[in-house]
Amino acid sequence: MDSEASSLETLNELLSEVGDQVRRERQLFPGNRHHLSTLVMELGELAEALMKSDQPAVVREEAVRVACIALRIAAEGDTSFP
């Protein structure tokens, strides 16, 4: 498999993970309040993982969570703000 095909496969896997995470999060937290504060918290956890973790899976998990909440903000907004 060439590099471009491999990158596309990785991207598709990540998008699938993000979609799964969005579905889980919507079941656990169906409303759209506090999305911005959640994004900031998740971004902090991603930054910490990048700086402190030597495990790519930990960084990936945090990045998927950031992408998830960013997509929810794009799709649902955040009713904490006008």
Protein backbone atom coordinates (compact mmCIF):
# COMPACT_ATOMS: atom_id res chain seq x y z
CA MET A 1 0.00 0.00 0.00
CA ASP A 2 1.43 3.39 -0.91
CA SER A 3 1.81 6.25 1.54
CA GLU A 4 -1.20 8.20 0.24
CA ALA A 5 -3.50 5.18 0.49
CA SER A 6 -2.21 4.45 3.98
CA SER A 7 -2.84 8.05 5.06
CA LEU A 8 -6.36 7.92 3.65
CA GLU A 9 -7.05 4.67 5.50
CA THR A 10 -5.81 6.24 8.75
CA LEU A 11 -7.98 9.30 8.17
CA ASN A 12 -11.04 7.14 7.52
CA GLU A 13 -10.36 5.19 10.72
CA LEU A 14 -10.08 8.42 12.69
CA LEU A 15 -13.29 9.82 11.22
CA SER A 16 -15.06 6.60 12.15
CA GLU A 17 -13.72 6.86 15.71
CA VAL A 18 -14.88 10.47 15.94
CA GLY A 19 -18.35 9.51 14.68
CA ASP A 20 -18.58 6.71 17.25
CA GLN A 21 -17.48 9.13 19.99
CA VAL A 22 -20.09 11.70 18.92
CA ARG A 23 -22.82 9.04 19.16
CA ARG A 24 -21.64 7.96 22.64
CA GLU A 25 -21.39 11.54 23.86
CA ARG A 26 -24.87 12.40 22.57
CA GLN A 27 -26.31 9.48 24.52
CA LEU A 28 -24.47 10.44 27.70
CA PHE A 29 -24.89 14.21 27.32
CA PRO A 30 -27.85 14.88 24.99
CA GLY A 31 -28.04 18.63 25.56
CA ASN A 32 -25.84 21.27 24.04
CA ARG A 33 -24.92 23.29 27.12
CA HIS A 34 -21.33 23.69 28.24
CA HIS A 35 -19.82 22.51 24.96
CA LEU A 36 -17.22 25.30 24.97
CA SER A 37 -16.05 24.52 28.50
CA THR A 38 -15.90 20.84 27.58
CA LEU A 39 -13.82 21.66 24.51
CA VAL A 40 -11.38 23.72 26.58
CA MET A 41 -11.07 20.89 29.13
CA GLU A 42 -10.51 18.28 26.42
CA LEU A 43 -7.99 20.52 24.66
CA GLY A 44 -6.07 20.83 27.92
CA GLU A 45 -6.05 17.05 28.27
CA LEU A 46 -4.77 16.72 24.69
CA ALA A 47 -2.00 19.24 25.39
CA GLU A 48 -1.01 17.34 28.52
CA ALA A 49 -0.98 14.05 26.62
CA LEU A 50 1.21 15.56 23.91
CA MET A 51 3.68 16.92 26.44
CA LYS A 52 3.79 14.01 28.87
CA SER A 53 2.72 10.79 27.18
CA ASP A 54 5.00 8.57 25.18
CA GLN A 55 2.00 6.51 24.07
CA PRO A 56 0.52 7.54 20.69
CA ALA A 57 -2.77 5.82 21.59
CA VAL A 58 -3.29 8.20 24.53
CA VAL A 59 -2.69 11.24 22.33
CA ARG A 60 -5.00 9.83 19.65
CA GLU A 61 -7.78 9.20 22.19
CA GLU A 62 -7.60 12.78 23.45
CA ALA A 63 -7.46 14.16 19.88
CA VAL A 64 -10.58 12.16 18.98
CA ARG A 65 -12.38 13.67 21.99
CA VAL A 66 -11.38 17.19 20.92
CA ALA A 67 -12.62 16.51 17.38
CA CYS A 68 -15.86 15.09 18.77
CA ILE A 69 -16.76 18.12 20.83
CA ALA A 70 -15.64 20.49 18.05
CA LEU A 71 -18.04 18.73 15.68
CA ARG A 72 -20.82 18.93 18.24
CA ILE A 73 -20.26 22.67 18.57
CA ALA A 74 -20.35 23.03 14.78
CA ALA A 75 -23.55 20.98 14.52
CA GLU A 76 -25.39 21.88 17.73
CA GLY A 77 -23.87 25.09 19.05
CA ASP A 78 -23.66 25.81 22.78
CA THR A 79 -26.72 27.18 24.53
CA SER A 80 -24.55 28.51 27.34
CA PHE A 81 -23.99 31.56 25.13
CA PRO A 82 -26.36 33.80 23.16
